[in-house]
Protein backbone atom coordinates (compact mmCIF):
# COMPACT_ATOMS: atom_id res chain seq x y z
CA MET A 1 25.11 11.12 14.16
CA GLN A 2 22.99 13.97 15.59
CA ASP A 3 19.76 12.59 17.50
CA PRO A 4 17.01 13.42 15.05
CA ALA A 5 14.83 14.26 17.94
CA ALA A 6 17.18 16.90 19.11
CA PRO A 7 16.20 20.50 18.30
CA ASP A 8 17.83 22.19 15.58
CA ALA A 9 17.34 25.76 13.98
CA GLY A 10 13.79 26.58 13.59
CA ALA A 11 12.92 22.79 14.55
CA HIS A 12 10.21 21.70 17.19
CA ALA A 13 11.82 21.08 20.66
CA LEU A 14 10.77 17.96 22.03
CA GLU A 15 9.78 17.78 25.50
CA SER A 16 10.57 14.57 27.76
CA HIS A 17 6.93 13.40 27.25
CA ASP A 18 7.01 14.03 23.50
CA LYS A 19 10.30 12.29 23.09
CA ARG A 20 8.91 8.99 24.66
CA LEU A 21 5.72 9.25 22.62
CA PHE A 22 7.49 9.82 19.38
CA TRP A 23 10.02 7.00 20.01
CA GLY A 24 7.29 4.74 21.13
CA CYS A 25 5.57 5.34 17.90
CA PHE A 26 8.80 4.68 16.20
CA ILE A 27 9.33 1.18 17.69
CA ALA A 28 5.65 0.28 16.95
CA LEU A 29 6.48 0.72 13.44
CA ILE A 30 9.50 -1.32 13.70
CA ALA A 31 7.32 -4.08 14.92
CA THR A 32 5.05 -3.92 11.79
CA ALA A 33 8.29 -4.06 9.75
CA PHE A 34 9.36 -7.37 11.76
CA GLY A 35 6.33 -8.93 10.56
CA PHE A 36 6.72 -7.98 6.98
CA ILE A 37 10.51 -8.97 6.58
CA VAL A 38 10.03 -12.30 8.24
CA ARG A 39 7.22 -13.16 5.91
CA ALA A 40 9.21 -11.95 2.85
CA LEU A 41 12.09 -14.11 3.93
CA ILE A 42 10.29 -17.29 4.73
CA ILE A 43 7.79 -17.39 1.86
CA ASN A 44 9.64 -19.96 0.01
CA ASP A 45 9.70 -21.93 3.16
CA TRP A 46 6.03 -21.73 3.21
CA GLY A 47 5.87 -22.79 -0.49
CA THR A 48 7.86 -25.91 0.15
CA ASP A 49 6.13 -27.01 3.31
CA PHE A 50 2.55 -26.54 2.00
CA ASN A 51 3.12 -26.95 -1.71
CA LEU A 52 2.07 -23.38 -2.69
CA SER A 53 1.88 -21.87 -6.11
CA GLU A 54 3.60 -18.51 -7.10
CA THR A 55 -0.02 -16.99 -6.93
CA GLN A 56 -0.92 -18.56 -3.57
CA LYS A 57 2.42 -17.05 -2.28
CA GLY A 58 1.54 -13.80 -3.80
CA GLU A 59 -1.78 -13.84 -2.05
CA LEU A 60 -0.05 -14.62 1.18
CA LEU A 61 2.04 -11.55 0.85
CA GLY A 62 -0.86 -9.58 -0.32
CA VAL A 63 -3.11 -10.29 2.69
CA GLY A 64 -0.21 -8.97 4.64
CA LEU A 65 -0.97 -5.67 3.21
CA TRP A 66 -4.53 -5.15 2.14
CA PRO A 67 -6.23 -5.88 5.62
CA PHE A 68 -3.96 -2.82 6.69
CA ALA A 69 -6.40 -0.48 5.06
CA ILE A 70 -9.60 -1.87 6.69
CA SER A 71 -8.19 -0.99 10.17
CA ILE A 72 -6.40 2.23 9.09
CA ILE A 73 -9.61 3.67 7.54
CA VAL A 74 -11.84 2.54 10.13
CA PHE A 75 -9.82 3.83 13.04
CA SER A 76 -9.31 6.99 11.22
CA LEU A 77 -13.20 7.57 11.24
CA ILE A 78 -13.40 6.91 14.98
CA ILE A 79 -9.90 7.48 16.46
CA ASP A 80 -10.71 11.08 17.80
CA ARG A 81 -13.69 9.62 19.67
CA ILE A 82 -12.21 6.20 21.12
CA GLY A 83 -8.71 7.58 21.70
CA TYR A 84 -5.23 6.96 20.53
CA ARG A 85 -4.55 4.67 23.45
CA ASN A 86 -7.12 2.32 22.60
CA ALA A 87 -6.28 2.07 19.13
CA MET A 88 -2.50 0.95 20.43
CA ILE A 89 -3.96 -1.72 22.55
CA PHE A 90 -5.92 -3.21 19.62
CA GLY A 91 -2.88 -3.10 17.58
CA LEU A 92 -0.85 -4.73 20.33
CA VAL A 93 -3.34 -7.67 20.67
CA CYS A 94 -3.45 -8.12 16.93
CA HIS A 95 0.37 -8.45 16.70
CA VAL A 96 0.44 -11.07 19.56
CA ALA A 97 -2.53 -13.05 18.34
CA SER A 98 -1.28 -13.13 14.64
CA ALA A 99 2.18 -14.65 15.82
CA ILE A 100 0.73 -17.32 17.61
CA ILE A 101 -1.84 -18.44 15.04
CA THR A 102 1.09 -18.48 12.44
CA ILE A 103 3.36 -20.22 14.44
CA PHE A 104 0.95 -23.15 14.87
CA ALA A 105 -0.25 -22.96 11.17
CA THR A 106 -1.05 -26.39 9.43
CA GLY A 107 -1.90 -25.21 6.04
CA TYR A 108 -2.63 -22.34 3.59
CA TRP A 109 -5.76 -20.77 5.27
CA MET A 110 -4.28 -20.67 9.01
CA LEU A 111 -1.32 -18.73 7.33
CA TYR A 112 -3.67 -16.54 5.47
CA ILE A 113 -5.64 -15.79 8.95
CA GLY A 114 -2.47 -15.02 10.93
CA THR A 115 -1.27 -12.75 8.11
CA PHE A 116 -4.58 -11.29 7.95
CA ILE A 117 -4.52 -10.45 11.51
CA VAL A 118 -1.02 -8.97 11.66
CA ALA A 119 -2.03 -6.63 8.85
CA LEU A 120 -4.95 -5.45 10.87
CA GLY A 121 -2.75 -4.76 13.63
CA ASN A 122 -0.16 -2.90 11.36
CA GLY A 123 -2.85 -0.68 10.03
CA THR A 124 -4.03 0.24 13.60
CA VAL A 125 -0.36 1.30 14.39
CA GLU A 126 -0.24 3.76 11.37
CA ALA A 127 -3.86 4.88 12.26
CA TYR A 128 -2.53 6.51 15.24
CA ILE A 129 1.27 7.13 14.88
CA ASN A 130 0.74 9.26 11.78
CA PRO A 131 -1.84 11.66 13.13
CA VAL A 132 0.19 11.85 16.36
CA VAL A 133 3.50 12.93 14.86
CA ALA A 134 1.83 15.35 12.50
CA THR A 135 0.04 16.90 15.37
CA LEU A 136 3.36 17.28 17.40
CA PHE A 137 5.20 18.92 14.41
CA LYS A 138 2.56 20.87 12.81
CA ARG A 139 5.24 23.23 11.00
CA GLU A 140 7.34 20.37 9.81
CA LYS A 141 5.14 17.60 9.07
CA THR A 142 6.84 16.08 5.89
CA LYS A 143 10.21 16.21 7.61
CA TRP A 144 9.08 14.34 10.90
CA LEU A 145 7.00 11.87 9.17
CA ASN A 146 10.07 10.94 7.26
CA ILE A 147 11.92 10.44 10.36
CA LEU A 148 9.10 8.36 11.99
CA HIS A 149 8.93 6.32 8.65
CA ALA A 150 12.76 5.47 9.13
CA GLY A 151 11.26 3.17 11.60
CA TRP A 152 9.80 0.83 8.74
CA PRO A 153 13.11 0.30 6.82
CA GLY A 154 15.00 0.21 10.29
CA GLY A 155 12.67 -2.70 11.24
CA LEU A 156 13.38 -4.30 7.93
CA VAL A 157 17.08 -4.09 8.25
CA LEU A 158 17.21 -5.30 11.97
CA GLY A 159 14.50 -7.93 11.55
CA GLY A 160 16.06 -9.10 8.16
CA ILE A 161 19.54 -9.34 9.68
CA ILE A 162 18.49 -11.38 12.56
CA ALA A 163 16.24 -13.68 10.50
CA ILE A 164 19.10 -14.31 7.94
CA ALA A 165 21.89 -14.76 10.74
CA LEU A 166 19.63 -17.51 12.27
CA GLY A 167 20.16 -19.44 8.97
CA ALA A 168 18.17 -22.27 7.44
CA ASN A 169 18.59 -24.47 10.23
CA VAL A 170 16.32 -22.52 12.40
CA THR A 171 12.56 -23.05 11.85
CA TRP A 172 10.38 -20.34 10.15
CA GLN A 173 8.17 -20.69 13.35
CA PHE A 174 10.98 -19.33 15.44
CA LYS A 175 11.65 -16.44 13.07
CA VAL A 176 7.87 -15.49 13.06
CA GLY A 177 8.22 -15.00 16.84
CA LEU A 178 10.72 -12.37 16.28
CA ILE A 179 7.84 -9.79 16.27
CA PHE A 180 7.55 -10.15 20.04
CA ILE A 181 10.65 -8.23 20.65
CA PRO A 182 9.59 -4.83 19.22
CA THR A 183 5.96 -5.38 20.27
CA ILE A 184 6.94 -5.80 24.02
CA ILE A 185 9.17 -2.62 23.88
CA TYR A 186 6.50 -0.38 22.41
CA ALA A 187 3.87 -1.70 24.74
CA VAL A 188 5.98 -0.78 27.77
CA MET A 189 6.80 2.66 26.31
CA LEU A 190 3.38 3.69 25.05
CA TRP A 191 1.03 2.12 27.79
CA ASN A 192 0.77 5.11 30.04
CA GLU A 193 1.69 7.88 27.63
CA LYS A 194 -0.83 10.68 27.24
CA PHE A 195 -1.58 11.42 23.43
CA PRO A 196 -2.24 14.78 22.07
CA LEU A 197 -5.53 16.32 20.57
CA HIS A 198 -5.33 16.28 16.86
CA GLU A 199 -4.93 19.76 15.25
CA ARG A 200 -8.22 19.27 13.34
CA VAL A 201 -10.07 18.88 16.51
CA ALA A 202 -8.19 21.67 18.28
CA ALA A 203 -9.13 24.10 15.15
CA GLY A 204 -12.76 23.20 15.65
CA VAL A 205 -13.12 21.58 12.22
CA SER A 206 -16.18 19.46 12.44
CA TYR A 207 -16.45 15.65 11.86
CA ARG A 208 -18.73 16.29 8.65
CA ASP A 209 -15.97 18.83 7.20
CA MET A 210 -13.39 16.04 7.77
CA LEU A 211 -15.46 13.65 5.63
CA ALA A 212 -16.23 16.14 3.16
CA GLU A 213 -12.33 16.42 2.31
CA VAL A 214 -12.22 12.87 1.14
CA GLY A 215 -15.85 13.09 -0.29
CA VAL A 216 -17.81 10.71 -2.40
CA GLY A 217 -14.99 10.09 -4.93
CA GLY A 218 -12.50 9.07 -2.10
CA ALA A 219 -15.12 6.81 -0.41
CA LEU A 220 -16.02 5.07 -3.76
CA ILE A 221 -12.23 4.12 -4.30
CA CYS A 222 -11.79 3.17 -0.60
CA THR A 223 -15.10 1.19 -0.55
CA ALA A 224 -14.72 -0.52 -3.51
CA LEU A 225 -11.19 -1.76 -3.22
CA ILE A 226 -12.29 -3.20 0.29
CA MET A 227 -15.57 -4.74 -0.90
CA ILE A 228 -14.01 -6.44 -3.89
CA GLU A 229 -11.28 -8.26 -1.92
CA ILE A 230 -13.80 -9.26 0.77
CA GLY A 231 -16.20 -10.49 -1.87
CA ARG A 232 -13.28 -12.53 -3.29
CA VAL A 233 -12.23 -13.96 0.10
CA PHE A 234 -15.88 -15.09 1.04
CA GLY A 235 -17.11 -15.85 -2.35
CA LEU A 236 -19.77 -13.18 -2.53
CA SER A 237 -21.32 -12.60 -5.79
CA LEU A 238 -20.54 -9.54 -7.88
CA TRP A 239 -23.99 -8.03 -7.69
CA LEU A 240 -24.07 -8.19 -3.95
CA VAL A 241 -20.55 -6.56 -3.66
CA GLY A 242 -21.76 -3.79 -6.03
CA VAL A 243 -24.98 -3.35 -4.02
CA VAL A 244 -22.97 -3.05 -0.85
CA ILE A 245 -20.45 -0.48 -2.34
CA VAL A 246 -23.23 1.66 -3.83
CA ALA A 247 -25.20 1.63 -0.72
CA LEU A 248 -22.26 2.77 1.52
CA VAL A 249 -20.97 5.21 -1.01
CA ALA A 250 -24.73 6.75 -1.19
CA ILE A 251 -24.99 7.07 2.70
CA TYR A 252 -21.46 8.76 2.81
CA GLY A 253 -22.39 11.16 -0.01
CA TYR A 254 -25.75 11.94 1.64
CA TYR A 255 -24.07 12.96 4.72
CA THR A 256 -21.13 14.99 3.29
CA ARG A 257 -22.66 16.43 0.15
CA SER A 258 -19.12 16.52 -1.19
CA PHE A 259 -17.32 14.94 -4.10
CA GLY A 260 -14.12 15.50 -2.42
CA ARG A 261 -10.94 17.56 -3.04
CA PRO A 262 -9.81 16.74 -6.58
CA MET A 263 -6.04 16.79 -5.81
CA PHE A 264 -6.87 14.51 -2.69
CA LEU A 265 -8.50 12.13 -5.23
CA LEU A 266 -5.41 12.28 -7.50
CA MET A 267 -3.22 11.50 -4.48
CA LEU A 268 -5.43 8.31 -3.74
CA ILE A 269 -4.94 7.22 -7.55
CA ILE A 270 -1.16 7.73 -7.54
CA MET A 271 -0.79 5.90 -4.27
CA MET A 272 -1.92 2.63 -5.94
CA PRO A 273 1.08 2.25 -8.29
CA LEU A 274 3.38 3.97 -5.46
CA ALA A 275 2.59 1.08 -3.01
CA THR A 276 3.22 -1.60 -5.56
CA THR A 277 6.59 0.17 -6.55
CA GLU A 278 7.68 -0.19 -2.97
CA LEU A 279 5.92 -2.60 -0.84
CA GLY A 280 4.75 -4.95 -3.78
CA VAL A 281 8.36 -5.18 -5.02
CA ASP A 282 9.63 -5.45 -1.37
CA SER A 283 7.24 -8.31 -0.61
CA TRP A 284 8.64 -10.33 -3.82
CA ILE A 285 12.19 -9.08 -4.33
CA THR A 286 13.85 -11.93 -2.09
CA ASP A 287 12.07 -14.50 -4.21
CA LEU A 288 12.72 -12.58 -7.45
CA MET A 289 16.38 -12.33 -7.00
CA THR A 290 17.14 -15.75 -5.67
CA PRO A 291 18.25 -17.19 -8.96
CA GLU A 292 20.92 -14.37 -9.39
CA PHE A 293 21.99 -14.58 -5.66
CA ARG A 294 22.26 -18.24 -5.60
CA ASP A 295 24.90 -17.92 -8.38
CA LEU A 296 26.78 -15.48 -6.12
CA GLY A 297 26.63 -17.69 -3.16
CA ILE A 298 24.70 -15.00 -1.04
CA SER A 299 21.14 -15.03 0.59
CA ALA A 300 18.90 -13.01 -1.63
CA GLY A 301 17.26 -11.54 1.66
CA TRP A 302 20.37 -9.30 1.86
CA ILE A 303 19.00 -7.27 -1.19
CA LEU A 304 16.03 -6.20 0.81
CA VAL A 305 18.06 -5.49 3.90
CA TYR A 306 20.46 -3.26 1.82
CA THR A 307 17.77 -1.35 0.13
CA SER A 308 16.02 -0.75 3.53
CA PHE A 309 19.39 0.35 5.04
CA ILE A 310 19.47 3.17 2.34
CA MET A 311 16.12 3.98 3.14
CA MET A 312 16.56 4.26 6.72
CA MET A 313 19.65 6.45 6.66
CA LEU A 314 18.29 8.91 3.97
CA ARG A 315 14.87 9.44 5.87
CA PHE A 316 16.72 10.55 8.88
CA PHE A 317 17.90 13.45 6.71
CA ALA A 318 14.90 14.16 4.63
CA GLY A 319 14.58 17.76 6.28
CA PRO A 320 17.26 19.49 4.21
CA ILE A 321 16.15 17.65 1.06
CA VAL A 322 12.41 18.51 1.35
CA HIS A 323 13.44 21.98 2.13
CA ARG A 324 15.33 22.27 -1.16
CA LEU A 325 13.15 20.49 -3.51
CA SER A 326 9.73 20.58 -2.09
CA PRO A 327 7.62 17.45 -1.23
CA LEU A 328 6.65 17.26 -4.97
CA GLY A 329 10.04 17.89 -6.32
CA LEU A 330 11.43 14.99 -4.02
CA LEU A 331 8.55 12.58 -5.13
CA ALA A 332 9.33 13.41 -8.77
CA ALA A 333 13.01 12.77 -8.39
CA SER A 334 12.38 9.52 -6.55
CA ALA A 335 9.83 8.31 -9.10
CA ALA A 336 12.49 8.77 -11.94
CA ILE A 337 15.25 7.01 -10.04
CA ALA A 338 13.03 4.10 -9.01
CA ALA A 339 11.97 3.44 -12.50
CA ILE A 340 15.64 3.39 -13.78
CA GLY A 341 16.50 1.15 -10.73
CA LEU A 342 13.82 -1.31 -11.33
CA PHE A 343 14.82 -1.60 -15.18
CA PHE A 344 18.31 -2.17 -14.36
CA LEU A 345 17.54 -4.60 -11.59
CA SER A 346 15.61 -6.73 -14.19
CA LYS A 347 18.80 -6.83 -16.45
CA ALA A 348 21.52 -7.03 -13.86
CA ALA A 349 23.69 -9.94 -13.08
CA GLY A 350 26.47 -10.35 -10.67
CA ILE A 351 28.01 -7.49 -8.79
CA THR A 352 25.85 -4.91 -11.19
CA ILE A 353 23.05 -6.04 -9.21
CA LEU A 354 24.27 -3.92 -6.30
CA ILE A 355 24.37 -0.86 -8.40
CA ALA A 356 20.83 -1.36 -9.74
CA ALA A 357 19.71 -2.11 -6.04
CA THR A 358 21.16 1.13 -4.81
CA LEU A 359 19.27 3.03 -7.52
CA TYR A 360 16.06 1.38 -6.54
CA GLY A 361 16.55 1.66 -2.77
CA VAL A 362 17.23 5.45 -3.30
CA GLY A 363 14.14 5.99 -5.46
CA LYS A 364 11.72 4.08 -3.05
CA THR A 365 13.12 5.88 0.08
CA PHE A 366 10.89 8.87 0.12
CA PHE A 367 7.53 7.78 -1.51
CA TRP A 368 5.52 6.78 1.36
CA PRO A 369 6.29 9.30 4.02
CA THR A 370 6.64 12.32 1.91
CA THR A 371 3.20 11.43 0.24
CA LEU A 372 1.90 11.35 3.84
CA GLY A 373 3.53 14.71 4.50
CA PHE A 374 2.14 16.29 1.32
CA VAL A 375 -1.38 15.33 2.17
CA ALA A 376 -1.06 16.31 5.91
CA GLU A 377 0.12 19.75 4.67
CA GLN A 378 -2.40 20.42 2.02
CA PHE A 379 -5.40 18.72 3.56
CA PRO A 380 -5.15 19.36 7.41
CA ARG A 381 -8.98 19.68 7.61
CA GLY A 382 -9.36 15.98 6.73
CA GLY A 383 -7.43 15.23 10.14
CA ALA A 384 -6.51 11.43 10.53
CA LEU A 385 -8.99 10.52 7.74
CA THR A 386 -7.17 12.15 4.70
CA LEU A 387 -3.70 11.37 6.18
CA ASN A 388 -4.58 7.53 6.59
CA ALA A 389 -6.70 7.14 3.64
CA VAL A 390 -3.94 7.37 1.31
CA ALA A 391 -2.04 4.87 3.18
CA GLY A 392 -4.91 2.55 3.39
CA VAL A 393 -5.73 2.76 -0.31
CA GLY A 394 -1.83 1.97 -1.22
CA MET A 395 -1.95 -1.20 0.94
CA LEU A 396 -5.32 -1.99 -0.57
CA ALA A 397 -4.01 -1.76 -4.01
CA VAL A 398 -0.88 -3.53 -3.76
CA GLY A 399 -2.57 -6.37 -1.52
CA ILE A 400 -5.48 -6.98 -3.77
CA VAL A 401 -3.90 -6.24 -7.19
CA GLY A 402 -0.15 -5.51 -6.88
CA SER A 403 1.47 -8.52 -5.10
CA PRO A 404 -1.00 -11.10 -6.61
CA PHE A 405 -0.32 -9.78 -10.03
CA LEU A 406 3.51 -10.11 -9.69
CA GLY A 407 2.74 -13.74 -8.67
CA TYR A 408 0.18 -14.40 -11.53
CA PHE A 409 2.63 -12.61 -13.86
CA GLN A 410 5.35 -15.17 -13.04
CA ASP A 411 2.95 -18.16 -13.28
CA THR A 412 1.65 -16.97 -16.80
CA ALA A 413 5.33 -16.11 -17.95
CA VAL A 414 6.55 -19.53 -16.98
CA ASN A 415 3.53 -21.28 -18.66
CA THR A 416 4.20 -19.35 -21.87
CA ASN A 417 8.16 -19.51 -21.58
CA LEU A 418 7.73 -23.40 -21.16
CA VAL A 419 5.71 -23.92 -24.18
CA ALA A 420 8.25 -21.94 -26.11
CA TYR A 421 11.06 -24.10 -24.63
CA ASP A 422 9.46 -27.32 -25.62
CA GLU A 423 8.99 -26.26 -29.15
CA ALA A 424 12.53 -25.19 -29.42
CA ASN A 425 14.11 -28.19 -27.68
CA ASN A 426 11.59 -30.98 -28.71
CA THR A 427 10.69 -31.63 -24.91
CA ASN A 428 7.29 -31.94 -23.09
CA LEU A 429 8.00 -30.11 -19.90
CA HIS A 430 4.96 -27.89 -20.03
CA ASP A 431 2.45 -30.89 -20.34
CA THR A 432 4.16 -32.77 -17.81
CA TYR A 433 4.92 -30.29 -15.01
CA VAL A 434 2.44 -27.54 -15.51
CA THR A 435 -0.44 -29.56 -14.01
CA ALA A 436 -1.36 -27.75 -10.74
CA GLU A 437 -4.92 -26.30 -11.07
CA LYS A 438 -5.22 -23.13 -9.01
CA SER A 439 -7.61 -20.40 -8.62
CA GLY A 440 -6.85 -16.77 -7.42
CA ALA A 441 -7.69 -13.02 -7.82
CA PHE A 442 -7.29 -13.19 -11.61
CA GLY A 443 -9.32 -16.29 -12.03
CA ARG A 444 -8.27 -19.88 -12.57
CA TYR A 445 -4.96 -20.93 -13.91
CA GLU A 446 -2.45 -23.53 -14.26
CA ALA A 447 0.85 -23.62 -12.21
CA ILE A 448 3.97 -25.69 -12.10
CA ASP A 449 3.65 -28.70 -9.62
CA GLY A 450 6.61 -27.99 -7.34
CA ASP A 451 6.53 -31.59 -5.98
CA ALA A 452 6.74 -33.03 -9.39
CA VAL A 453 9.56 -30.98 -10.42
CA ALA A 454 11.47 -31.68 -7.11
CA ALA A 455 11.20 -35.47 -8.19
CA ALA A 456 12.28 -34.89 -11.96
CA PRO A 457 15.67 -35.36 -13.29
CA GLU A 458 18.34 -32.75 -12.41
CA SER A 459 18.37 -31.71 -16.28
CA VAL A 460 14.58 -30.77 -15.94
CA GLN A 461 14.94 -29.08 -12.77
CA MET A 462 17.64 -26.70 -14.10
CA ALA A 463 15.48 -26.09 -17.41
CA VAL A 464 12.51 -25.30 -15.39
CA ALA A 465 14.55 -23.13 -13.03
CA ASP A 466 16.06 -21.18 -15.73
CA VAL A 467 12.50 -20.30 -17.17
CA GLN A 468 11.27 -19.41 -13.81
CA SER A 469 14.40 -17.07 -13.42
CA ALA A 470 13.62 -15.29 -16.64
CA ALA A 471 9.97 -14.78 -15.51
CA LYS A 472 10.99 -13.33 -12.20
CA LYS A 473 13.26 -10.69 -13.88
CA ASP A 474 10.63 -9.92 -16.43
CA ALA A 475 8.36 -9.06 -13.40
CA LEU A 476 10.62 -6.23 -12.13
CA ARG A 477 10.71 -4.59 -15.64
CA THR A 478 6.96 -4.66 -15.78
CA VAL A 479 6.66 -2.78 -12.47
CA ALA A 480 9.01 -0.06 -13.66
CA ILE A 481 5.96 1.24 -15.64
CA PHE A 482 4.43 2.31 -12.27
CA PRO A 483 6.97 5.04 -11.29
CA ILE A 484 7.06 6.37 -14.87
CA PHE A 485 3.21 7.04 -14.51
CA MET A 486 3.72 8.65 -10.96
CA LEU A 487 6.60 10.88 -12.51
CA LEU A 488 4.17 12.26 -14.94
CA CYS A 489 1.55 13.09 -12.26
CA TYR A 490 4.14 14.80 -9.95
CA LEU A 491 5.26 17.04 -12.71
CA GLY A 492 1.79 18.05 -13.55
CA LEU A 493 1.26 18.86 -9.84
CA ILE A 494 4.44 20.75 -9.88
CA ALA A 495 3.25 22.97 -12.79
CA TYR A 496 0.11 23.57 -10.96
CA PHE A 497 1.49 24.92 -7.66
CA ARG A 498 4.12 27.11 -10.01
CA ALA A 499 0.98 28.63 -11.62
CA LYS A 500 -0.36 29.40 -8.20
CA GLY A 501 2.90 31.20 -6.91
CA GLY A 502 4.63 28.19 -5.46
CA TYR A 503 4.15 25.24 -2.85
CA LYS A 504 2.85 26.49 0.42
CA PRO A 505 1.42 24.17 3.31
CA VAL A 506 -2.30 24.99 4.62
CA GLN A 507 -2.17 26.03 8.25
CA LEU A 508 -5.01 25.56 10.65
CA THR A 509 -5.66 27.96 13.42
CA GLU A 510 -6.60 26.67 16.91
């Protein structure tokens, strides 16, 4: 296979320094994927060891995502002043610290804190690698951001294979430590590298003009999502959270005197269901498909590895596809395929799961990097802020709402379905085993007591497992609504650009 960093007709020729910088950023993204895949694969181990409900598991998966937005947005505001290297060092410290805290965790909150810190590190990594690559490849941003983000599924594949190969006899603590492998590599590769000056700065676009691209509308979306979750975690009153949101947005609006670019605000809104479709499902898919794969005698983790392998390979060859379809055409096609894949994945059984998973894997492949490429091409005056704000909002949405919602949906579906099972079979499973009082992002609820079910007769365990399996597949079918909404938005944007004479990237002049 041709080296994706090698020059081709019309492509940017990489200097030796640029090669090291690009591949260092690539490995840093692999490190973020290692942390993600390992947590997705060991979430059931955590549930067993610490007696976690499905919603608590969803909250742990969610906190692996939403703090990402805090660091990526905050660093995007200051990264051109503090420098990319300092951002890299902060991300490195987070990766190391989070692994240590998680390995020695004794309960839910230590797991929560360790996962929170790794998410901060992951956001910091994307805060510098996205603008670095967009600056290195000013004329082919979508293509090279897709190649860069092949590092994410590449890390999922590599980390997933290693973690699965270690087997159930290796402790989950050892698997968490796998993140040290890519972390040490990218630290060595990037430590002494000189990072480029962002194209916004080189073009003389002011800091205020950068903020104006996001505007009050974008600031409201970002600030509200961040403060709502901070308020939930720390038990802050709604009125205090509201006051802080209004105050911060008012200050931002007074300084920028801009509502923000309407198309950019639309991309922020689209990013919410997009991130849930990709990362929310990826967080849960191992757990969701465990019942089906158990019947096949295969680890459910392989479905995430398989779909990630599809993503990795296709992203390396995104250039010709983007050239033929345009970024919006590619996003529309991806949304349609992802919706079909999720629907059939919720219905599939046996070997047909492979076909449904293939559709889902192809569909989700280009969502994230092509959206970044579109934003980088249409809003270059926004610099690192517009480029990273869409990623931040996506992570916020899936972390705060997406992943916990998938867990909460399962808990409530199991609750409802067990009542129906009792009525149909003259049993009393619901009142006997749905006794765990929990509270989470969606309020107080009752969940299955895992310890009680484990001690129950085998017939009861099988009945509860069947109800849980049905609830998990229903969750996948529910998520299929999100890419359908995205498809409608992309078709509207395609029509808008056609009315203007076709899609054209915006170029800044130094």
